[in-house]
C-alpha atoms as a PDB file:
ATOM      1  CA  MET A   1     -50.068-106.884  -4.428  1.00  0.00           C
ATOM      2  CA  GLU A   2     -52.161-105.857  -7.425  1.00  0.00           C
ATOM      3  CA  ILE A   3     -55.109-107.965  -6.155  1.00  0.00           C
ATOM      4  CA  GLN A   4     -54.884-106.358  -2.723  1.00  0.00           C
ATOM      5  CA  SER A   5     -54.661-102.904  -4.239  1.00  0.00           C
ATOM      6  CA  CYS A   6     -57.656-103.614  -6.453  1.00  0.00           C
ATOM      7  CA  TRP A   7     -59.671-104.868  -3.471  1.00  0.00           C
ATOM      8  CA  LYS A   8     -58.811-101.747  -1.479  1.00  0.00           C
ATOM      9  CA  GLY A   9     -59.774 -99.582  -4.414  1.00  0.00           C
ATOM     10  CA  LYS A  10     -63.146-101.271  -4.767  1.00  0.00           C
ATOM     11  CA  ARG A  11     -63.722-101.061  -1.031  1.00  0.00           C
ATOM     12  CA  PHE A  12     -62.961 -97.335  -1.087  1.00  0.00           C
ATOM     13  CA  ALA A  13     -65.361 -96.901  -3.995  1.00  0.00           C
ATOM     14  CA  ALA A  14     -68.088 -98.742  -2.083  1.00  0.00           C
ATOM     15  CA  VAL A  15     -67.586 -96.582   1.005  1.00  0.00           C
ATOM     16  CA  LEU A  16     -67.642 -93.475  -1.157  1.00  0.00           C
ATOM     17  CA  LEU A  17     -70.869 -94.613  -2.823  1.00  0.00           C
ATOM     18  CA  LEU A  18     -72.417 -95.319   0.568  1.00  0.00           C
ATOM     19  CA  ALA A  19     -71.516 -91.817   1.739  1.00  0.00           C
ATOM     20  CA  ILE A  20     -72.975 -90.282  -1.412  1.00  0.00           C
ATOM     21  CA  LEU A  21     -76.190 -92.252  -1.060  1.00  0.00           C
ATOM     22  CA  ALA A  22     -76.499 -91.746   2.686  1.00  0.00           C
ATOM     23  CA  GLY A  23     -76.556 -87.960   2.414  1.00  0.00           C
ATOM     24  CA  PRO A  24     -79.574 -87.748   0.117  1.00  0.00           C
ATOM     25  CA  ALA A  25     -81.178 -90.606   2.022  1.00  0.00           C
ATOM     26  CA  ARG A  26     -81.009 -88.680   5.281  1.00  0.00           C
ATOM     27  CA  HIS A  27     -82.430 -85.633   3.519  1.00  0.00           C
ATOM     28  CA  THR A  28     -85.149 -87.762   1.925  1.00  0.00           C
ATOM     29  CA  SER A  29     -85.870 -89.351   5.295  1.00  0.00           C
ATOM     30  CA  ALA A  30     -86.376 -85.978   6.947  1.00  0.00           C
ATOM     31  CA  GLN A  31     -88.601 -84.783   4.113  1.00  0.00           C
ATOM     32  CA  ALA A  32     -90.637 -87.990   4.199  1.00  0.00           C
ATOM     33  CA  GLY A  33     -91.017 -87.724   7.966  1.00  0.00           C
ATOM     34  CA  ASN A  34     -92.265 -84.162   7.770  1.00  0.00           C
ATOM     35  CA  GLU A  35     -94.702 -85.049   5.001  1.00  0.00           C
ATOM     36  CA  LEU A  36     -96.060 -88.035   6.943  1.00  0.00           C
ATOM     37  CA  ARG A  37     -96.524 -85.914  10.047  1.00  0.00           C
ATOM     38  CA  LYS A  38     -98.358 -83.316   7.998  1.00  0.00           C
ATOM     39  CA  GLN A  39    -100.603 -85.988   6.504  1.00  0.00           C
ATOM     40  CA  PHE A  40    -101.269 -87.424   9.951  1.00  0.00           C
ATOM     41  CA  GLN A  41    -102.212 -84.000  11.319  1.00  0.00           C
ATOM     42  CA  GLN A  42    -104.647 -83.552   8.431  1.00  0.00           C
ATOM     43  CA  GLN A  43    -106.203 -86.967   9.039  1.00  0.00           C
ATOM     44  CA  PHE A  44    -106.546 -86.324  12.758  1.00  0.00           C
ATOM     45  CA  ALA A  45    -108.080 -82.885  12.153  1.00  0.00           C
ATOM     46  CA  ALA A  46    -110.570 -84.503   9.759  1.00  0.00           C
ATOM     47  CA  ALA A  47    -111.430 -87.119  12.386  1.00  0.00           C
ATOM     48  CA  ALA A  48    -111.966 -84.340  14.923  1.00  0.00           C
ATOM     49  CA  LEU A  49    -114.228 -82.478  12.513  1.00  0.00           C
ATOM     50  CA  GLU A  50    -116.235 -85.645  11.905  1.00  0.00           C
ATOM     51  CA  ARG A  51    -117.032 -85.794  15.611  1.00  0.00           C
ATOM     52  CA  THR A  52    -119.320 -82.774  15.184  1.00  0.00           C
ATOM     53  CA  GLN A  53    -121.741 -85.062  13.319  1.00  0.00           C
ATOM     54  CA  HIS A  54    -122.488 -86.998  16.515  1.00  0.00           C
ATOM     55  CA  VAL A  55    -125.040 -86.254  19.196  1.00  0.00           C
ATOM     56  CA  VAL A  56    -123.372 -86.648  22.584  1.00  0.00           C
ATOM     57  CA  ARG A  57    -124.841 -85.955  25.996  1.00  0.00           C
ATOM     58  CA  TYR A  58    -122.293 -84.499  28.406  1.00  0.00           C
ATOM     59  CA  ASP A  59    -121.746 -87.057  31.145  1.00  0.00           C
ATOM     60  CA  PRO A  60    -118.597 -87.175  33.324  1.00  0.00           C
ATOM     61  CA  ALA A  61    -119.622 -90.357  35.157  1.00  0.00           C
ATOM     62  CA  TYR A  62    -117.008 -92.976  35.992  1.00  0.00           C
ATOM     63  CA  VAL A  63    -117.585 -96.007  33.736  1.00  0.00           C
ATOM     64  CA  GLN A  64    -116.043 -99.466  33.845  1.00  0.00           C
ATOM     65  CA  LEU A  65    -114.424 -99.887  30.426  1.00  0.00           C
ATOM     66  CA  PRO A  66    -113.068-102.815  28.418  1.00  0.00           C
ATOM     67  CA  TYR A  67    -109.312-102.699  27.919  1.00  0.00           C
ATOM     68  CA  PRO A  68    -107.823-101.973  25.475  1.00  0.00           C
ATOM     69  CA  GLY A  69    -110.119-100.160  23.089  1.00  0.00           C
ATOM     70  CA  GLY A  70    -112.675 -99.231  25.735  1.00  0.00           C
ATOM     71  CA  ASP A  71    -115.073 -96.332  25.393  1.00  0.00           C
ATOM     72  CA  VAL A  72    -118.005 -94.903  27.284  1.00  0.00           C
ATOM     73  CA  PRO A  73    -121.392 -95.231  25.525  1.00  0.00           C
ATOM     74  CA  GLY A  74    -121.179 -93.454  22.186  1.00  0.00           C
ATOM     75  CA  ASP A  75    -123.952 -90.991  22.999  1.00  0.00           C
ATOM     76  CA  THR A  76    -122.266 -89.783  26.194  1.00  0.00           C
ATOM     77  CA  GLY A  77    -118.897 -88.317  27.134  1.00  0.00           C
ATOM     78  CA  VAL A  78    -116.852 -85.263  28.034  1.00  0.00           C
ATOM     79  CA  CYS A  79    -114.205 -83.161  26.301  1.00  0.00           C
ATOM     80  CA  THR A  80    -111.495 -85.815  26.584  1.00  0.00           C
ATOM     81  CA  ASP A  81    -113.740 -88.496  25.084  1.00  0.00           C
ATOM     82  CA  GLU A  82    -113.883 -86.532  21.826  1.00  0.00           C
ATOM     83  CA  VAL A  83    -110.077 -86.482  21.679  1.00  0.00           C
ATOM     84  CA  ILE A  84    -109.964 -90.201  22.459  1.00  0.00           C
ATOM     85  CA  ARG A  85    -112.493 -90.994  19.733  1.00  0.00           C
ATOM     86  CA  ALA A  86    -110.746 -88.835  17.131  1.00  0.00           C
ATOM     87  CA  TYR A  87    -107.419 -90.564  17.792  1.00  0.00           C
ATOM     88  CA  ARG A  88    -109.071 -93.957  17.694  1.00  0.00           C
ATOM     89  CA  ALA A  89    -110.460 -93.075  14.252  1.00  0.00           C
ATOM     90  CA  VAL A  90    -106.870 -92.757  12.993  1.00  0.00           C
ATOM     91  CA  GLY A  91    -105.743 -95.975  14.673  1.00  0.00           C
ATOM     92  CA  ILE A  92    -104.409 -94.769  18.021  1.00  0.00           C
ATOM     93  CA  ASP A  93    -105.796 -96.025  21.328  1.00  0.00           C
ATOM     94  CA  LEU A  94    -105.160 -93.357  23.948  1.00  0.00           C
ATOM     95  CA  GLN A  95    -106.587 -95.582  26.653  1.00  0.00           C
ATOM     96  CA  LYS A  96    -103.840 -98.120  26.033  1.00  0.00           C
ATOM     97  CA  GLU A  97    -101.040 -95.619  25.444  1.00  0.00           C
ATOM     98  CA  VAL A  98    -101.796 -93.519  28.525  1.00  0.00           C
ATOM     99  CA  HIS A  99    -102.257 -96.561  30.742  1.00  0.00           C
ATOM    100  CA  GLU A 100     -98.977 -98.151  29.660  1.00  0.00           C
ATOM    101  CA  ASP A 101     -97.066 -94.939  30.301  1.00  0.00           C
ATOM    102  CA  MET A 102     -98.711 -94.471  33.681  1.00  0.00           C
ATOM    103  CA  VAL A 103     -97.875 -98.045  34.691  1.00  0.00           C
ATOM    104  CA  ALA A 104     -94.218 -97.404  33.864  1.00  0.00           C
ATOM    105  CA  ASN A 105     -94.050 -93.785  35.111  1.00  0.00           C
ATOM    106  CA  PHE A 106     -96.868 -93.300  37.592  1.00  0.00           C
ATOM    107  CA  SER A 107     -94.984 -90.668  39.628  1.00  0.00           C
ATOM    108  CA  ALA A 108     -94.753 -88.411  36.557  1.00  0.00           C
ATOM    109  CA  TYR A 109     -98.527 -87.943  36.561  1.00  0.00           C
ATOM    110  CA  PRO A 110    -100.722 -85.765  38.804  1.00  0.00           C
ATOM    111  CA  SER A 111    -101.588 -87.217  42.194  1.00  0.00           C
ATOM    112  CA  LYS A 112    -104.555 -84.903  42.783  1.00  0.00           C
ATOM    113  CA  TRP A 113    -107.148 -87.717  42.781  1.00  0.00           C
ATOM    114  CA  GLY A 114    -105.497 -89.622  45.607  1.00  0.00           C
ATOM    115  CA  ARG A 115    -104.987 -92.777  43.581  1.00  0.00           C
ATOM    116  CA  ARG A 116    -101.973 -95.002  44.164  1.00  0.00           C
ATOM    117  CA  ASN A 117    -102.233 -97.050  40.993  1.00  0.00           C
ATOM    118  CA  PRO A 118    -103.173 -96.436  37.355  1.00  0.00           C
ATOM    119  CA  ASP A 119    -106.806 -96.932  36.410  1.00  0.00           C
ATOM    120  CA  PRO A 120    -107.470 -97.645  32.690  1.00  0.00           C
ATOM    121  CA  ASN A 121    -111.135 -96.785  33.191  1.00  0.00           C
ATOM    122  CA  ILE A 122    -110.569 -93.100  33.866  1.00  0.00           C
ATOM    123  CA  ASP A 123    -106.921 -91.992  33.612  1.00  0.00           C
ATOM    124  CA  HIS A 124    -107.014 -91.220  29.885  1.00  0.00           C
ATOM    125  CA  ARG A 125    -110.263 -89.289  30.360  1.00  0.00           C
ATOM    126  CA  ARG A 126    -108.665 -86.676  32.613  1.00  0.00           C
ATOM    127  CA  VAL A 127    -107.230 -83.524  31.054  1.00  0.00           C
ATOM    128  CA  PRO A 128    -104.282 -83.136  33.478  1.00  0.00           C
ATOM    129  CA  ASN A 129    -103.166 -86.702  32.671  1.00  0.00           C
ATOM    130  CA  LEU A 130    -103.403 -86.034  28.939  1.00  0.00           C
ATOM    131  CA  MET A 131    -101.339 -82.873  29.379  1.00  0.00           C
ATOM    132  CA  VAL A 132     -98.547 -84.881  30.973  1.00  0.00           C
ATOM    133  CA  PHE A 133     -98.878 -87.674  28.425  1.00  0.00           C
ATOM    134  CA  PHE A 134     -98.762 -85.398  25.375  1.00  0.00           C
ATOM    135  CA  SER A 135     -95.782 -83.501  26.770  1.00  0.00           C
ATOM    136  CA  ARG A 136     -93.949 -86.778  27.418  1.00  0.00           C
ATOM    137  CA  LYS A 137     -94.863 -88.683  24.260  1.00  0.00           C
ATOM    138  CA  GLY A 138     -95.614 -85.904  21.800  1.00  0.00           C
ATOM    139  CA  ALA A 139     -94.482 -82.336  21.261  1.00  0.00           C
ATOM    140  CA  SER A 140     -95.194 -79.590  23.768  1.00  0.00           C
ATOM    141  CA  LEU A 141     -95.416 -76.377  21.760  1.00  0.00           C
ATOM    142  CA  PRO A 142     -95.185 -72.727  22.822  1.00  0.00           C
ATOM    143  CA  ILE A 143     -98.295 -71.063  24.187  1.00  0.00           C
ATOM    144  CA  THR A 144     -98.745 -67.784  22.348  1.00  0.00           C
ATOM    145  CA  ASP A 145    -101.444 -65.246  21.527  1.00  0.00           C
ATOM    146  CA  ARG A 146    -100.741 -65.631  17.800  1.00  0.00           C
ATOM    147  CA  ALA A 147    -103.489 -67.597  16.069  1.00  0.00           C
ATOM    148  CA  GLU A 148    -101.128 -68.632  13.268  1.00  0.00           C
ATOM    149  CA  ASP A 149     -99.078 -70.663  15.765  1.00  0.00           C
ATOM    150  CA  TYR A 150    -101.947 -73.146  16.165  1.00  0.00           C
ATOM    151  CA  ALA A 151    -102.293 -75.605  13.275  1.00  0.00           C
ATOM    152  CA  PRO A 152    -104.957 -78.168  12.329  1.00  0.00           C
ATOM    153  CA  GLY A 153    -104.350 -81.353  14.278  1.00  0.00           C
ATOM    154  CA  ASP A 154    -102.949 -79.526  17.304  1.00  0.00           C
ATOM    155  CA  LEU A 155    -104.365 -80.038  20.784  1.00  0.00           C
ATOM    156  CA  VAL A 156    -105.073 -77.160  23.147  1.00  0.00           C
ATOM    157  CA  THR A 157    -105.897 -77.235  26.856  1.00  0.00           C
ATOM    158  CA  TRP A 158    -107.435 -74.435  28.865  1.00  0.00           C
ATOM    159  CA  ASP A 159    -108.123 -73.345  32.418  1.00  0.00           C
ATOM    160  CA  LEU A 160    -111.743 -72.216  32.400  1.00  0.00           C
ATOM    161  CA  HIS A 161    -111.503 -70.445  35.760  1.00  0.00           C
ATOM    162  CA  PRO A 162    -108.037 -68.875  35.905  1.00  0.00           C
ATOM    163  CA  GLY A 163    -109.051 -66.450  38.634  1.00  0.00           C
ATOM    164  CA  LYS A 164    -109.574 -69.177  41.195  1.00  0.00           C
ATOM    165  CA  GLN A 165    -106.645 -70.520  43.179  1.00  0.00           C
ATOM    166  CA  LYS A 166    -106.076 -74.031  44.385  1.00  0.00           C
ATOM    167  CA  ALA A 167    -103.338 -76.062  46.018  1.00  0.00           C
ATOM    168  CA  ARG A 168    -100.785 -77.609  43.664  1.00  0.00           C
ATOM    169  CA  PHE A 169     -99.765 -81.240  43.984  1.00  0.00           C
ATOM    170  CA  PRO A 170     -96.372 -82.672  43.000  1.00  0.00           C
ATOM    171  CA  GLY A 171     -96.342 -83.426  39.284  1.00  0.00           C
ATOM    172  CA  THR A 172     -99.545 -81.501  38.608  1.00  0.00           C
ATOM    173  CA  PRO A 173     -99.477 -79.057  35.658  1.00  0.00           C
ATOM    174  CA  ASP A 174    -100.234 -75.409  36.407  1.00  0.00           C
ATOM    175  CA  LEU A 175    -103.980 -75.396  35.895  1.00  0.00           C
ATOM    176  CA  GLY A 176    -104.868 -72.197  37.712  1.00  0.00           C
ATOM    177  CA  GLY A 177    -108.495 -72.496  38.789  1.00  0.00           C
ATOM    178  CA  GLY A 178    -108.539 -76.191  38.136  1.00  0.00           C
ATOM    179  CA  LEU A 179    -111.515 -76.550  35.785  1.00  0.00           C
ATOM    180  CA  THR A 180    -109.687 -77.943  32.790  1.00  0.00           C
ATOM    181  CA  HIS A 181    -110.731 -78.372  29.188  1.00  0.00           C
ATOM    182  CA  ILE A 182    -109.264 -79.756  25.952  1.00  0.00           C
ATOM    183  CA  GLY A 183    -110.060 -79.286  22.282  1.00  0.00           C
ATOM    184  CA  MET A 184    -108.689 -80.004  18.813  1.00  0.00           C
ATOM    185  CA  VAL A 185    -107.711 -77.483  16.149  1.00  0.00           C
ATOM    186  CA  VAL A 186    -109.395 -78.229  12.811  1.00  0.00           C
ATOM    187  CA  ASP A 187    -108.903 -77.059   9.237  1.00  0.00           C
ATOM    188  CA  ARG A 188    -111.746 -74.549   9.205  1.00  0.00           C
ATOM    189  CA  LYS A 189    -111.348 -70.811   9.684  1.00  0.00           C
ATOM    190  CA  THR A 190    -113.836 -68.249  10.879  1.00  0.00           C
ATOM    191  CA  LEU A 191    -115.004 -65.600   8.457  1.00  0.00           C
ATOM    192  CA  PHE A 192    -114.098 -62.644  10.654  1.00  0.00           C
ATOM    193  CA  THR A 193    -111.075 -63.627  12.777  1.00  0.00           C
ATOM    194  CA  ARG A 194    -109.567 -65.916  10.101  1.00  0.00           C
ATOM    195  CA  ARG A 195    -108.189 -68.253  12.731  1.00  0.00           C
ATOM    196  CA  TYR A 196    -108.627 -72.002  12.872  1.00  0.00           C
ATOM    197  CA  MET A 197    -111.606 -73.245  14.809  1.00  0.00           C
ATOM    198  CA  ILE A 198    -111.759 -75.717  17.687  1.00  0.00           C
ATOM    199  CA  VAL A 199    -113.749 -78.932  17.993  1.00  0.00           C
ATOM    200  CA  HIS A 200    -114.583 -79.578  21.640  1.00  0.00           C
ATOM    201  CA  ASN A 201    -117.307 -80.685  24.002  1.00  0.00           C
ATOM    202  CA  ILE A 202    -117.876 -78.232  26.793  1.00  0.00           C
ATOM    203  CA  GLY A 203    -121.366 -79.423  27.638  1.00  0.00           C
ATOM    204  CA  ALA A 204    -123.473 -79.441  24.477  1.00  0.00           C
ATOM    205  CA  GLY A 205    -121.754 -82.263  22.637  1.00  0.00           C
ATOM    206  CA  PRO A 206    -118.939 -81.962  20.080  1.00  0.00           C
ATOM    207  CA  LYS A 207    -119.092 -78.541  18.429  1.00  0.00           C
ATOM    208  CA  MET A 208    -116.841 -76.539  16.113  1.00  0.00           C
ATOM    209  CA  GLU A 209    -116.390 -73.034  17.495  1.00  0.00           C
ATOM    210  CA  ASP A 210    -114.075 -70.043  17.455  1.00  0.00           C
ATOM    211  CA  VAL A 211    -112.932 -70.365  21.056  1.00  0.00           C
ATOM    212  CA  LEU A 212    -109.130 -70.613  20.843  1.00  0.00           C
ATOM    213  CA  PHE A 213    -108.557 -67.530  22.983  1.00  0.00           C
ATOM    214  CA  ASP A 214    -111.755 -67.620  25.027  1.00  0.00           C
ATOM    215  CA  TRP A 215    -109.989 -69.037  28.092  1.00  0.00           C
ATOM    216  CA  LYS A 216    -106.504 -69.187  29.536  1.00  0.00           C
ATOM    217  CA  ILE A 217    -104.458 -71.617  27.434  1.00  0.00           C
ATOM    218  CA  THR A 218    -102.450 -74.021  29.612  1.00  0.00           C
ATOM    219  CA  GLY A 219    -101.086 -76.401  26.987  1.00  0.00           C
ATOM    220  CA  HIS A 220    -100.397 -76.702  23.258  1.00  0.00           C
ATOM    221  CA  TYR A 221     -99.434 -80.121  21.873  1.00  0.00           C
ATOM    222  CA  ARG A 222     -98.959 -82.353  18.848  1.00  0.00           C
ATOM    223  CA  TYR A 223     -99.088 -86.109  19.149  1.00  0.00           C
ATOM    224  CA  PHE A 224     -98.362 -88.541  16.320  1.00  0.00           C
ATOM    225  CA  GLY A 225     -98.931 -91.822  18.112  1.00  0.00           C
ATOM    226  CA  PRO A 226     -96.733 -94.398  19.853  1.00  0.00           C
ATOM    227  CA  ALA A 227     -93.028 -94.123  19.029  1.00  0.00           C
ATOM    228  CA  GLY A 228     -93.642 -91.697  16.174  1.00  0.00           C
ATOM    229  CA  ARG A 229     -96.193 -93.882  14.439  1.00  0.00           C
ATOM    230  CA  ALA A 230     -96.718 -91.227  11.771  1.00  0.00           C
ATOM    231  CA  THR A 231     -93.079 -91.412  10.638  1.00  0.00           C
ATOM    232  CA  ARG A 232     -92.190 -95.095  10.879  1.00  0.00           C
ATOM    233  CA  ALA A 233     -93.346 -95.798   7.348  1.00  0.00           C
ATOM    234  CA  GLN A 234     -90.577 -93.616   5.956  1.00  0.00           C
ATOM    235  CA  THR A 235     -87.961 -96.250   6.822  1.00  0.00           C
ATOM    236  CA  SER A 236     -89.353 -98.807   4.404  1.00  0.00           C
ATOM    237  CA  LYS A 237     -89.628 -96.167   1.684  1.00  0.00           C
ATOM    238  CA  ILE A 238     -85.900 -95.392   1.626  1.00  0.00           C
ATOM    239  CA  SER A 239     -84.287 -98.557   2.982  1.00  0.00           C
ATOM    240  CA  PHE A 240     -83.904-100.001  -0.509  1.00  0.00           C
ATOM    241  CA  ILE A 241     -81.290 -97.307  -1.217  1.00  0.00           C
ATOM    242  CA  LEU A 242     -78.874 -98.544   1.436  1.00  0.00           C
ATOM    243  CA  ASN A 243     -79.791-102.196   1.926  1.00  0.00           C
ATOM    244  CA  PRO A 244     -77.510-103.526  -0.838  1.00  0.00           C
ATOM    245  CA  LEU A 245     -74.539-102.025   0.997  1.00  0.00           C
ATOM    246  CA  ARG A 246     -75.498-103.344   4.430  1.00  0.00           C
ATOM    247  CA  GLY A 247     -75.363-106.739   6.042  1.00  0.00           C
ATOM    248  CA  GLY A 248     -72.802-108.214   3.692  1.00  0.00           C
ATOM    249  CA  ARG A 249     -70.248-107.454   1.024  1.00  0.00           C
ATOM    250  CA  SER A 250     -70.837-104.562  -1.288  1.00  0.00           C
ATOM    251  CA  PRO A 251     -71.646-105.492  -4.887  1.00  0.00           C
ATOM    252  CA  LEU A 252     -68.510-103.511  -5.787  1.00  0.00           C
ATOM    253  CA  MET A 253     -66.205-105.654  -3.614  1.00  0.00           C
END
């Protein structure tokens, strides 16, 4: 009876210790996740800013690409190619991620181009597809007229011709006039407006400009990579706290 009572007492102590440790661990996990996301946003914003050092001729031509990791010639491209290249600089292949999601969920994406199957040569280079992808796999944030709501590392999409009307297709985002554009918020502020600037390619190659509110904003996103790539590392950082009490008998039992 005394042995059984002792065993129960030790087991209760182990459970109590686990509960005590688990609370701070969850708190630490959340803090670590937020910090890793912040670091990722900073790295992505830096990669976007670096794109302004490249000379790129605006060229929307369809190009047969290798897969995965394919890119149009480095001295050509459109607005989406700058986003693709910035993400690739931080280890994320949008060509692969978008294609895999379109293969599995093709009906969720716009059908405006009349295609019946995903195409890894062009799908990730189209703004409407990226809008759907970022809303599905990242965070779709509120669209506001407050500059402080847009942080470095965020993605913004615009309708350049909001006055024009066009037919909507099932699954197509509301793009107004239909001439779409995308850019990346970077950690540089203008002297006069004091708002973060945008790196984008609207025809003259990748430039950093104060254009956040120049056109109708149609999307505001954050994307940290496949399955929360920016936060997965936190698990290994805190797992040592709980591992001794998992997968076997507690050291107190």
